[in-house]
PDB file of N, CA and C in Angstrom:
ATOM      1  N   MET A   1       0.855  -1.161   0.000  1.00  0.00           N
ATOM      2  CA  MET A   1       0.000   0.000   0.000  1.00  0.00           C
ATOM      3  C   MET A   1       0.903   1.226   0.000  1.00  0.00           C
ATOM      4  N   LEU A   2       0.820   2.014  -1.030  1.00  0.00           N
ATOM      5  CA  LEU A   2       1.604   3.228  -1.144  1.00  0.00           C
ATOM      6  C   LEU A   2       0.718   4.421  -0.835  1.00  0.00           C
ATOM      7  N   LYS A   3       1.249   5.365  -0.051  1.00  0.00           N
ATOM      8  CA  LYS A   3       0.479   6.542   0.332  1.00  0.00           C
ATOM      9  C   LYS A   3       1.138   7.794  -0.233  1.00  0.00           C
ATOM     10  N   ALA A   4       0.301   8.779  -0.535  1.00  0.00           N
ATOM     11  CA  ALA A   4       0.797  10.067  -1.009  1.00  0.00           C
ATOM     12  C   ALA A   4      -0.156  11.161  -0.549  1.00  0.00           C
ATOM     13  N   ARG A   5       0.380  12.332  -0.323  1.00  0.00           N
ATOM     14  CA  ARG A   5      -0.441  13.494   0.005  1.00  0.00           C
ATOM     15  C   ARG A   5      -0.996  14.082  -1.283  1.00  0.00           C
ATOM     16  N   TRP A   6      -2.167  14.717  -1.189  1.00  0.00           N
ATOM     17  CA  TRP A   6      -2.825  15.262  -2.379  1.00  0.00           C
ATOM     18  C   TRP A   6      -1.969  16.340  -3.033  1.00  0.00           C
ATOM     19  N   THR A   7      -1.209  17.092  -2.249  1.00  0.00           N
ATOM     20  CA  THR A   7      -0.372  18.142  -2.816  1.00  0.00           C
ATOM     21  C   THR A   7       0.787  17.584  -3.638  1.00  0.00           C
ATOM     22  N   GLN A   8       1.139  16.305  -3.452  1.00  0.00           N
ATOM     23  CA  GLN A   8       2.189  15.694  -4.256  1.00  0.00           C
ATOM     24  C   GLN A   8       1.736  15.488  -5.705  1.00  0.00           C
ATOM     25  N   PHE A   9       0.437  15.545  -5.951  1.00  0.00           N
ATOM     26  CA  PHE A   9      -0.097  15.363  -7.305  1.00  0.00           C
ATOM     27  C   PHE A   9      -0.131  16.667  -8.084  1.00  0.00           C
ATOM     28  N   GLY A  10       0.108  17.773  -7.460  1.00  0.00           N
ATOM     29  CA  GLY A  10       0.173  18.993  -8.223  1.00  0.00           C
ATOM     30  C   GLY A  10      -0.528  20.201  -7.663  1.00  0.00           C
ATOM     31  N   PRO A  11      -1.644  20.258  -7.104  1.00  0.00           N
ATOM     32  CA  PRO A  11      -2.859  19.445  -7.235  1.00  0.00           C
ATOM     33  C   PRO A  11      -3.463  19.618  -8.630  1.00  0.00           C
ATOM     34  N   PRO A  12      -3.840  18.533  -9.264  1.00  0.00           N
ATOM     35  CA  PRO A  12      -4.316  18.580 -10.648  1.00  0.00           C
ATOM     36  C   PRO A  12      -5.686  19.242 -10.768  1.00  0.00           C
ATOM     37  N   THR A  13      -5.909  19.889 -11.919  1.00  0.00           N
ATOM     38  CA  THR A  13      -7.202  20.519 -12.198  1.00  0.00           C
ATOM     39  C   THR A  13      -7.941  19.795 -13.313  1.00  0.00           C
ATOM     40  N   SER A  14      -7.239  18.909 -14.024  1.00  0.00           N
ATOM     41  CA  SER A  14      -7.879  18.122 -15.078  1.00  0.00           C
ATOM     42  C   SER A  14      -7.358  16.680 -14.993  1.00  0.00           C
ATOM     43  N   PRO A  15      -8.140  15.717 -15.482  1.00  0.00           N
ATOM     44  CA  PRO A  15      -7.699  14.335 -15.436  1.00  0.00           C
ATOM     45  C   PRO A  15      -6.423  14.125 -16.254  1.00  0.00           C
ATOM     46  N   ARG A  16      -5.458  13.437 -15.667  1.00  0.00           N
ATOM     47  CA  ARG A  16      -4.191  13.180 -16.357  1.00  0.00           C
ATOM     48  C   ARG A  16      -3.369  12.176 -15.578  1.00  0.00           C
ATOM     49  N   VAL A  17      -2.203  11.864 -16.108  1.00  0.00           N
ATOM     50  CA  VAL A  17      -1.243  10.997 -15.437  1.00  0.00           C
ATOM     51  C   VAL A  17      -0.198  11.902 -14.790  1.00  0.00           C
ATOM     52  N   VAL A  18       0.035  11.694 -13.492  1.00  0.00           N
ATOM     53  CA  VAL A  18       0.955  12.529 -12.731  1.00  0.00           C
ATOM     54  C   VAL A  18       2.080  11.651 -12.198  1.00  0.00           C
ATOM     55  N   PHE A  19       3.318  12.130 -12.307  1.00  0.00           N
ATOM     56  CA  PHE A  19       4.446  11.408 -11.719  1.00  0.00           C
ATOM     57  C   PHE A  19       4.589  11.836 -10.265  1.00  0.00           C
ATOM     58  N   VAL A  20       4.577  10.854  -9.359  1.00  0.00           N
ATOM     59  CA  VAL A  20       4.756  11.099  -7.936  1.00  0.00           C
ATOM     60  C   VAL A  20       6.029  10.386  -7.505  1.00  0.00           C
ATOM     61  N   ARG A  21       6.947  11.135  -6.911  1.00  0.00           N
ATOM     62  CA  ARG A  21       8.217  10.567  -6.484  1.00  0.00           C
ATOM     63  C   ARG A  21       7.989   9.495  -5.423  1.00  0.00           C
ATOM     64  N   GLY A  22       8.628   8.364  -5.598  1.00  0.00           N
ATOM     65  CA  GLY A  22       8.487   7.250  -4.673  1.00  0.00           C
ATOM     66  C   GLY A  22       7.392   6.277  -5.073  1.00  0.00           C
ATOM     67  N   ILE A  23       6.523   6.679  -5.991  1.00  0.00           N
ATOM     68  CA  ILE A  23       5.428   5.806  -6.433  1.00  0.00           C
ATOM     69  C   ILE A  23       5.540   5.522  -7.919  1.00  0.00           C
ATOM     70  N   GLY A  24       5.615   6.557  -8.727  1.00  0.00           N
ATOM     71  CA  GLY A  24       5.671   6.405 -10.176  1.00  0.00           C
ATOM     72  C   GLY A  24       4.565   7.201 -10.826  1.00  0.00           C
ATOM     73  N   ASN A  25       4.104   6.757 -11.996  1.00  0.00           N
ATOM     74  CA  ASN A  25       3.029   7.423 -12.726  1.00  0.00           C
ATOM     75  C   ASN A  25       1.685   6.996 -12.146  1.00  0.00           C
ATOM     76  N   VAL A  26       0.876   7.982 -11.765  1.00  0.00           N
ATOM     77  CA  VAL A  26      -0.425   7.730 -11.134  1.00  0.00           C
ATOM     78  C   VAL A  26      -1.507   8.373 -11.983  1.00  0.00           C
ATOM     79  N   ARG A  27      -2.552   7.590 -12.279  1.00  0.00           N
ATOM     80  CA  ARG A  27      -3.705   8.099 -13.033  1.00  0.00           C
ATOM     81  C   ARG A  27      -4.625   8.847 -12.075  1.00  0.00           C
ATOM     82  N   VAL A  28      -4.912  10.133 -12.381  1.00  0.00           N
ATOM     83  CA  VAL A  28      -5.829  10.954 -11.592  1.00  0.00           C
ATOM     84  C   VAL A  28      -7.061  11.206 -12.438  1.00  0.00           C
ATOM     85  N   THR A  29      -8.234  10.797 -11.958  1.00  0.00           N
ATOM     86  CA  THR A  29      -9.493  10.960 -12.689  1.00  0.00           C
ATOM     87  C   THR A  29     -10.221  12.213 -12.219  1.00  0.00           C
ATOM     88  N   GLN A  30     -11.249  12.580 -12.947  1.00  0.00           N
ATOM     89  CA  GLN A  30     -12.064  13.731 -12.558  1.00  0.00           C
ATOM     90  C   GLN A  30     -12.756  13.462 -11.231  1.00  0.00           C
ATOM     91  N   GLU A  31     -13.154  12.238 -11.003  1.00  0.00           N
ATOM     92  CA  GLU A  31     -13.783  11.869  -9.724  1.00  0.00           C
ATOM     93  C   GLU A  31     -12.809  12.094  -8.565  1.00  0.00           C
ATOM     94  N   ASP A  32     -11.526  11.742  -8.767  1.00  0.00           N
ATOM     95  CA  ASP A  32     -10.514  11.980  -7.730  1.00  0.00           C
ATOM     96  C   ASP A  32     -10.357  13.474  -7.460  1.00  0.00           C
ATOM     97  N   ILE A  33     -10.352  14.270  -8.510  1.00  0.00           N
ATOM     98  CA  ILE A  33     -10.200  15.716  -8.364  1.00  0.00           C
ATOM     99  C   ILE A  33     -11.379  16.298  -7.606  1.00  0.00           C
ATOM    100  N   ASP A  34     -12.598  15.844  -7.944  1.00  0.00           N
ATOM    101  CA  ASP A  34     -13.793  16.343  -7.264  1.00  0.00           C
ATOM    102  C   ASP A  34     -13.810  15.921  -5.796  1.00  0.00           C
ATOM    103  N   THR A  35     -13.378  14.712  -5.518  1.00  0.00           N
ATOM    104  CA  THR A  35     -13.437  14.181  -4.150  1.00  0.00           C
ATOM    105  C   THR A  35     -12.339  14.754  -3.269  1.00  0.00           C
ATOM    106  N   TYR A  36     -11.092  14.604  -3.670  1.00  0.00           N
ATOM    107  CA  TYR A  36      -9.963  14.965  -2.807  1.00  0.00           C
ATOM    108  C   TYR A  36      -9.539  16.421  -2.958  1.00  0.00           C
ATOM    109  N   GLY A  37      -9.827  17.031  -4.087  1.00  0.00           N
ATOM    110  CA  GLY A  37      -9.498  18.435  -4.272  1.00  0.00           C
ATOM    111  C   GLY A  37     -10.372  19.348  -3.446  1.00  0.00           C
ATOM    112  N   ALA A  38     -11.598  18.929  -3.150  1.00  0.00           N
ATOM    113  CA  ALA A  38     -12.531  19.743  -2.371  1.00  0.00           C
ATOM    114  C   ALA A  38     -12.323  19.598  -0.866  1.00  0.00           C
ATOM    115  N   MET A  39     -11.519  18.630  -0.438  1.00  0.00           N
ATOM    116  CA  MET A  39     -11.297  18.407   0.998  1.00  0.00           C
ATOM    117  C   MET A  39     -10.395  19.494   1.567  1.00  0.00           C
ATOM    118  N   SER A  40     -10.672  19.834   2.811  1.00  0.00           N
ATOM    119  CA  SER A  40      -9.820  20.823   3.475  1.00  0.00           C
ATOM    120  C   SER A  40      -8.522  20.154   3.925  1.00  0.00           C
ATOM    121  N   GLY A  41      -7.477  20.917   3.980  1.00  0.00           N
ATOM    122  CA  GLY A  41      -6.192  20.368   4.389  1.00  0.00           C
ATOM    123  C   GLY A  41      -5.515  19.636   3.246  1.00  0.00           C
ATOM    124  N   ASP A  42      -4.685  18.694   3.605  1.00  0.00           N
ATOM    125  CA  ASP A  42      -3.918  17.924   2.624  1.00  0.00           C
ATOM    126  C   ASP A  42      -4.190  16.438   2.873  1.00  0.00           C
ATOM    127  N   PRO A  43      -5.267  15.876   2.268  1.00  0.00           N
ATOM    128  CA  PRO A  43      -5.598  14.479   2.561  1.00  0.00           C
ATOM    129  C   PRO A  43      -4.534  13.510   2.040  1.00  0.00           C
ATOM    130  N   GLU A  44      -4.380  12.417   2.753  1.00  0.00           N
ATOM    131  CA  GLU A  44      -3.452  11.365   2.339  1.00  0.00           C
ATOM    132  C   GLU A  44      -4.258  10.278   1.640  1.00  0.00           C
ATOM    133  N   VAL A  45      -3.836   9.898   0.433  1.00  0.00           N
ATOM    134  CA  VAL A  45      -4.572   8.913  -0.350  1.00  0.00           C
ATOM    135  C   VAL A  45      -3.711   7.667  -0.563  1.00  0.00           C
ATOM    136  N   ILE A  46      -4.399   6.562  -0.847  1.00  0.00           N
ATOM    137  CA  ILE A  46      -3.728   5.288  -1.113  1.00  0.00           C
ATOM    138  C   ILE A  46      -3.642   5.105  -2.619  1.00  0.00           C
ATOM    139  N   CYS A  47      -2.469   4.717  -3.091  1.00  0.00           N
ATOM    140  CA  CYS A  47      -2.272   4.433  -4.509  1.00  0.00           C
ATOM    141  C   CYS A  47      -2.043   2.931  -4.658  1.00  0.00           C
ATOM    142  N   GLU A  48      -2.829   2.317  -5.532  1.00  0.00           N
ATOM    143  CA  GLU A  48      -2.664   0.876  -5.742  1.00  0.00           C
ATOM    144  C   GLU A  48      -2.199   0.611  -7.164  1.00  0.00           C
ATOM    145  N   HIS A  49      -1.558  -0.527  -7.340  1.00  0.00           N
ATOM    146  CA  HIS A  49      -0.998  -0.901  -8.637  1.00  0.00           C
ATOM    147  C   HIS A  49      -2.110  -1.154  -9.645  1.00  0.00           C
ATOM    148  N   SER A  50      -1.921  -0.656 -10.862  1.00  0.00           N
ATOM    149  CA  SER A  50      -2.894  -0.812 -11.930  1.00  0.00           C
ATOM    150  C   SER A  50      -2.211  -1.486 -13.121  1.00  0.00           C
ATOM    151  N   THR A  51      -2.790  -2.577 -13.596  1.00  0.00           N
ATOM    152  CA  THR A  51      -2.186  -3.303 -14.723  1.00  0.00           C
ATOM    153  C   THR A  51      -2.874  -3.014 -16.045  1.00  0.00           C
ATOM    154  N   ASP A  52      -4.077  -2.423 -15.997  1.00  0.00           N
ATOM    155  CA  ASP A  52      -4.835  -2.230 -17.229  1.00  0.00           C
ATOM    156  C   ASP A  52      -4.598  -0.868 -17.896  1.00  0.00           C
ATOM    157  N   ASP A  53      -3.777  -0.008 -17.327  1.00  0.00           N
ATOM    158  CA  ASP A  53      -3.513   1.317 -17.894  1.00  0.00           C
ATOM    159  C   ASP A  53      -2.122   1.322 -18.529  1.00  0.00           C
ATOM    160  N   PRO A  54      -2.025   1.607 -19.840  1.00  0.00           N
ATOM    161  CA  PRO A  54      -0.706   1.589 -20.485  1.00  0.00           C
ATOM    162  C   PRO A  54       0.176   2.788 -20.108  1.00  0.00           C
ATOM    163  N   GLU A  55      -0.425   3.909 -19.662  1.00  0.00           N
ATOM    164  CA  GLU A  55       0.348   5.104 -19.336  1.00  0.00           C
ATOM    165  C   GLU A  55       0.749   5.182 -17.870  1.00  0.00           C
ATOM    166  N   ALA A  56      -0.107   4.684 -16.988  1.00  0.00           N
ATOM    167  CA  ALA A  56       0.138   4.813 -15.545  1.00  0.00           C
ATOM    168  C   ALA A  56       0.249   3.439 -14.912  1.00  0.00           C
ATOM    169  N   ASN A  57       1.121   3.326 -13.913  1.00  0.00           N
ATOM    170  CA  ASN A  57       1.259   2.045 -13.230  1.00  0.00           C
ATOM    171  C   ASN A  57       0.534   2.022 -11.887  1.00  0.00           C
ATOM    172  N   HIS A  58      -0.086   3.151 -11.472  1.00  0.00           N
ATOM    173  CA  HIS A  58      -0.865   3.208 -10.237  1.00  0.00           C
ATOM    174  C   HIS A  58      -2.105   4.063 -10.456  1.00  0.00           C
ATOM    175  N   ARG A  59      -3.059   3.896  -9.542  1.00  0.00           N
ATOM    176  CA  ARG A  59      -4.255   4.723  -9.537  1.00  0.00           C
ATOM    177  C   ARG A  59      -4.634   5.017  -8.093  1.00  0.00           C
ATOM    178  N   ILE A  60      -5.421   6.051  -7.873  1.00  0.00           N
ATOM    179  CA  ILE A  60      -5.841   6.410  -6.518  1.00  0.00           C
ATOM    180  C   ILE A  60      -6.983   5.497  -6.107  1.00  0.00           C
ATOM    181  N   ALA A  61      -6.837   4.839  -4.956  1.00  0.00           N
ATOM    182  CA  ALA A  61      -7.829   3.867  -4.499  1.00  0.00           C
ATOM    183  C   ALA A  61      -8.733   4.410  -3.408  1.00  0.00           C
ATOM    184  N   GLY A  62      -8.311   5.418  -2.681  1.00  0.00           N
ATOM    185  CA  GLY A  62      -9.141   5.964  -1.616  1.00  0.00           C
ATOM    186  C   GLY A  62      -8.300   6.693  -0.587  1.00  0.00           C
ATOM    187  N   LEU A  63      -8.986   7.113   0.475  1.00  0.00           N
ATOM    188  CA  LEU A  63      -8.288   7.795   1.558  1.00  0.00           C
ATOM    189  C   LEU A  63      -7.500   6.805   2.400  1.00  0.00           C
ATOM    190  N   ALA A  64      -6.360   7.225   2.869  1.00  0.00           N
ATOM    191  CA  ALA A  64      -5.561   6.392   3.764  1.00  0.00           C
ATOM    192  C   ALA A  64      -6.191   6.437   5.153  1.00  0.00           C
ATOM    193  N   PRO A  65      -6.125   5.337   5.893  1.00  0.00           N
ATOM    194  CA  PRO A  65      -6.680   5.356   7.247  1.00  0.00           C
ATOM    195  C   PRO A  65      -5.913   6.347   8.118  1.00  0.00           C
ATOM    196  N   SER A  66      -6.643   7.009   9.007  1.00  0.00           N
ATOM    197  CA  SER A  66      -6.010   8.029   9.839  1.00  0.00           C
ATOM    198  C   SER A  66      -5.190   7.420  10.962  1.00  0.00           C
ATOM    199  N   ALA A  67      -5.564   6.237  11.430  1.00  0.00           N
ATOM    200  CA  ALA A  67      -4.824   5.570  12.504  1.00  0.00           C
ATOM    201  C   ALA A  67      -4.145   4.335  11.931  1.00  0.00           C
ATOM    202  N   PRO A  68      -3.011   3.951  12.470  1.00  0.00           N
ATOM    203  CA  PRO A  68      -2.353   2.743  11.968  1.00  0.00           C
ATOM    204  C   PRO A  68      -3.207   1.509  12.242  1.00  0.00           C
ATOM    205  N   ALA A  69      -3.138   0.541  11.366  1.00  0.00           N
ATOM    206  CA  ALA A  69      -3.955  -0.666  11.502  1.00  0.00           C
ATOM    207  C   ALA A  69      -3.510  -1.504  12.688  1.00  0.00           C
ATOM    208  N   VAL A  70      -2.225  -1.608  12.910  1.00  0.00           N
ATOM    209  CA  VAL A  70      -1.697  -2.388  14.022  1.00  0.00           C
ATOM    210  C   VAL A  70      -0.853  -1.457  14.874  1.00  0.00           C
ATOM    211  N   ALA A  71      -1.238  -1.331  16.132  1.00  0.00           N
ATOM    212  CA  ALA A  71      -0.483  -0.467  17.025  1.00  0.00           C
ATOM    213  C   ALA A  71       0.556  -1.294  17.767  1.00  0.00           C
ATOM    214  N   ASP A  72       1.727  -0.744  17.890  1.00  0.00           N
ATOM    215  CA  ASP A  72       2.773  -1.417  18.647  1.00  0.00           C
ATOM    216  C   ASP A  72       2.473  -1.317  20.132  1.00  0.00           C
ATOM    217  N   LYS A  73       2.817  -2.391  20.846  1.00  0.00           N
ATOM    218  CA  LYS A  73       2.648  -2.359  22.286  1.00  0.00           C
ATOM    219  C   LYS A  73       3.688  -1.412  22.872  1.00  0.00           C
ATOM    220  N   PRO A  74       3.286  -0.576  23.817  1.00  0.00           N
ATOM    221  CA  PRO A  74       4.284   0.302  24.432  1.00  0.00           C
ATOM    222  C   PRO A  74       5.265  -0.526  25.263  1.00  0.00           C
ATOM    223  N   ARG A  75       6.495  -0.135  25.210  1.00  0.00           N
ATOM    224  CA  ARG A  75       7.512  -0.852  25.968  1.00  0.00           C
ATOM    225  C   ARG A  75       7.384  -0.535  27.446  1.00  0.00           C
ATOM    226  N   GLU A  76       7.634  -1.548  28.249  1.00  0.00           N
ATOM    227  CA  GLU A  76       7.613  -1.326  29.685  1.00  0.00           C
ATOM    228  C   GLU A  76       8.901  -0.624  30.079  1.00  0.00           C
ATOM    229  N   PRO A  77       8.805   0.311  31.022  1.00  0.00           N
ATOM    230  CA  PRO A  77      10.021   1.011  31.420  1.00  0.00           C
ATOM    231  C   PRO A  77      10.988   0.063  32.123  1.00  0.00           C
ATOM    232  N   VAL A  78      12.244   0.266  31.878  1.00  0.00           N
ATOM    233  CA  VAL A  78      13.281  -0.552  32.501  1.00  0.00           C
ATOM    234  C   VAL A  78      13.554   0.020  33.877  1.00  0.00           C
ATOM    235  N   MET A  79      13.490  -0.833  34.865  1.00  0.00           N
ATOM    236  CA  MET A  79      13.720  -0.387  36.232  1.00  0.00           C
ATOM    237  C   MET A  79      15.210  -0.171  36.451  1.00  0.00           C
ATOM    238  N   ALA A  80      15.539   0.968  36.965  1.00  0.00           N
ATOM    239  CA  ALA A  80      16.932   1.273  37.260  1.00  0.00           C
ATOM    240  C   ALA A  80      17.317   0.663  38.596  1.00  0.00           C
ATOM    241  N   ARG A  81      18.583   0.423  38.767  1.00  0.00           N
ATOM    242  CA  ARG A  81      19.069  -0.128  40.024  1.00  0.00           C
ATOM    243  C   ARG A  81      18.937   0.949  41.089  1.00  0.00           C
ATOM    244  N   PRO A  82      18.389   0.589  42.224  1.00  0.00           N
ATOM    245  CA  PRO A  82      18.231   1.603  43.271  1.00  0.00           C
ATOM    246  C   PRO A  82      19.590   2.161  43.700  1.00  0.00           C
ATOM    247  N   SER A  83      19.621   3.454  43.901  1.00  0.00           N
ATOM    248  CA  SER A  83      20.884   4.079  44.268  1.00  0.00           C
ATOM    249  C   SER A  83      21.238   3.854  45.732  1.00  0.00           C
ATOM    250  N   SER A  84      20.278   3.352  46.521  1.00  0.00           N
ATOM    251  CA  SER A  84      20.556   3.125  47.944  1.00  0.00           C
ATOM    252  C   SER A  84      21.427   1.890  48.175  1.00  0.00           C
ATOM    253  N   VAL A  85      21.543   1.019  47.181  1.00  0.00           N
ATOM    254  CA  VAL A  85      22.362  -0.180  47.334  1.00  0.00           C
ATOM    255  C   VAL A  85      23.801   0.183  46.979  1.00  0.00           C
ATOM    256  N   PRO A  86      24.705   0.138  47.968  1.00  0.00           N
ATOM    257  CA  PRO A  86      26.085   0.509  47.648  1.00  0.00           C
ATOM    258  C   PRO A  86      26.769  -0.574  46.833  1.00  0.00           C
ATOM    259  N   ARG A  87      27.572  -0.144  45.918  1.00  0.00           N
ATOM    260  CA  ARG A  87      28.340  -1.086  45.114  1.00  0.00           C
ATOM    261  C   ARG A  87      29.704  -1.254  45.743  1.00  0.00           C
ATOM    262  N   ARG A  88      30.145  -2.502  45.781  1.00  0.00           N
ATOM    263  CA  ARG A  88      31.463  -2.781  46.324  1.00  0.00           C
ATOM    264  C   ARG A  88      32.503  -2.417  45.283  1.00  0.00           C
ATOM    265  N   PRO A  89      33.509  -1.654  45.662  1.00  0.00           N
ATOM    266  CA  PRO A  89      34.524  -1.299  44.675  1.00  0.00           C
ATOM    267  C   PRO A  89      35.299  -2.537  44.233  1.00  0.00           C
ATOM    268  N   ALA A  90      35.707  -2.532  42.995  1.00  0.00           N
ATOM    269  CA  ALA A  90      36.456  -3.662  42.462  1.00  0.00           C
ATOM    270  C   ALA A  90      37.811  -3.746  43.152  1.00  0.00           C
ATOM    271  N   ARG A  91      38.179  -4.967  43.518  1.00  0.00           N
ATOM    272  CA  ARG A  91      39.457  -5.182  44.208  1.00  0.00           C
ATOM    273  C   ARG A  91      40.565  -5.190  43.175  1.00  0.00           C
ATOM    274  N   LYS A  92      41.584  -4.430  43.437  1.00  0.00           N
ATOM    275  CA  LYS A  92      42.717  -4.389  42.534  1.00  0.00           C
ATOM    276  C   LYS A  92      43.593  -5.603  42.799  1.00  0.00           C
ATOM    277  N   ARG A  93      43.894  -6.360  41.755  1.00  0.00           N
ATOM    278  CA  ARG A  93      44.688  -7.580  41.909  1.00  0.00           C
ATOM    279  C   ARG A  93      46.151  -7.280  41.652  1.00  0.00           C
ATOM    280  N   SER A  94      46.958  -7.838  42.486  1.00  0.00           N
ATOM    281  CA  SER A  94      48.396  -7.660  42.311  1.00  0.00           C
ATOM    282  C   SER A  94      48.900  -8.656  41.275  1.00  0.00           C
ATOM    283  N   TRP A  95      50.147  -8.476  40.864  1.00  0.00           N
ATOM    284  CA  TRP A  95      50.712  -9.381  39.873  1.00  0.00           C
ATOM    285  C   TRP A  95      50.851 -10.794  40.429  1.00  0.00           C
ATOM    286  N   LEU A  96      51.026 -10.897  41.769  1.00  0.00           N
ATOM    287  CA  LEU A  96      51.134 -12.218  42.386  1.00  0.00           C
ATOM    288  C   LEU A  96      49.780 -12.930  42.380  1.00  0.00           C
ATOM    289  N   ASP A  97      48.677 -12.182  42.615  1.00  0.00           N
ATOM    290  CA  ASP A  97      47.327 -12.772  42.561  1.00  0.00           C
ATOM    291  C   ASP A  97      47.034 -13.261  41.142  1.00  0.00           C
ATOM    292  N   VAL A  98      47.454 -12.526  40.163  1.00  0.00           N
ATOM    293  CA  VAL A  98      47.220 -12.916  38.777  1.00  0.00           C
ATOM    294  C   VAL A  98      48.020 -14.163  38.462  1.00  0.00           C
ATOM    295  N   LEU A  99      49.283 -14.180  38.928  1.00  0.00           N
ATOM    296  CA  LEU A  99      50.157 -15.335  38.656  1.00  0.00           C
ATOM    297  C   LEU A  99      49.646 -16.584  39.336  1.00  0.00           C
ATOM    298  N   LEU A 100      49.150 -16.454  40.565  1.00  0.00           N
ATOM    299  CA  LEU A 100      48.653 -17.607  41.312  1.00  0.00           C
ATOM    300  C   LEU A 100      47.174 -17.861  41.061  1.00  0.00           C
ATOM    301  N   ARG A 101      46.552 -17.068  40.218  1.00  0.00           N
ATOM    302  CA  ARG A 101      45.128 -17.196  39.831  1.00  0.00           C
ATOM    303  C   ARG A 101      44.213 -17.159  41.055  1.00  0.00           C
ATOM    304  N   ARG A 102      44.413 -16.154  41.891  1.00  0.00           N
ATOM    305  CA  ARG A 102      43.553 -15.977  43.065  1.00  0.00           C
ATOM    306  C   ARG A 102      42.524 -14.925  42.818  1.00  0.00           C
TER     307      ARG A 102
END
């Protein structure tokens, strides 16, 4: 499913084939112009692959959903180590401890 904003089409005033970066050639019909051109703001539309048009490889299929279809679960916060627990400083090993593997 490829999405594009209406302003990426130009916005067109007559039916034609429009090149949209990231999608390719998209067929824009008069019905699309009447529907999405009259909307306030900058609607996001779905472009689907079209095999029956020799000039365009995509066409406008409808409005994109406003909310994502699958929402990610929010991550649980990672609990930090309490600062009240003192950490024991690392013991410095002498060369003899290293040699004797202590």
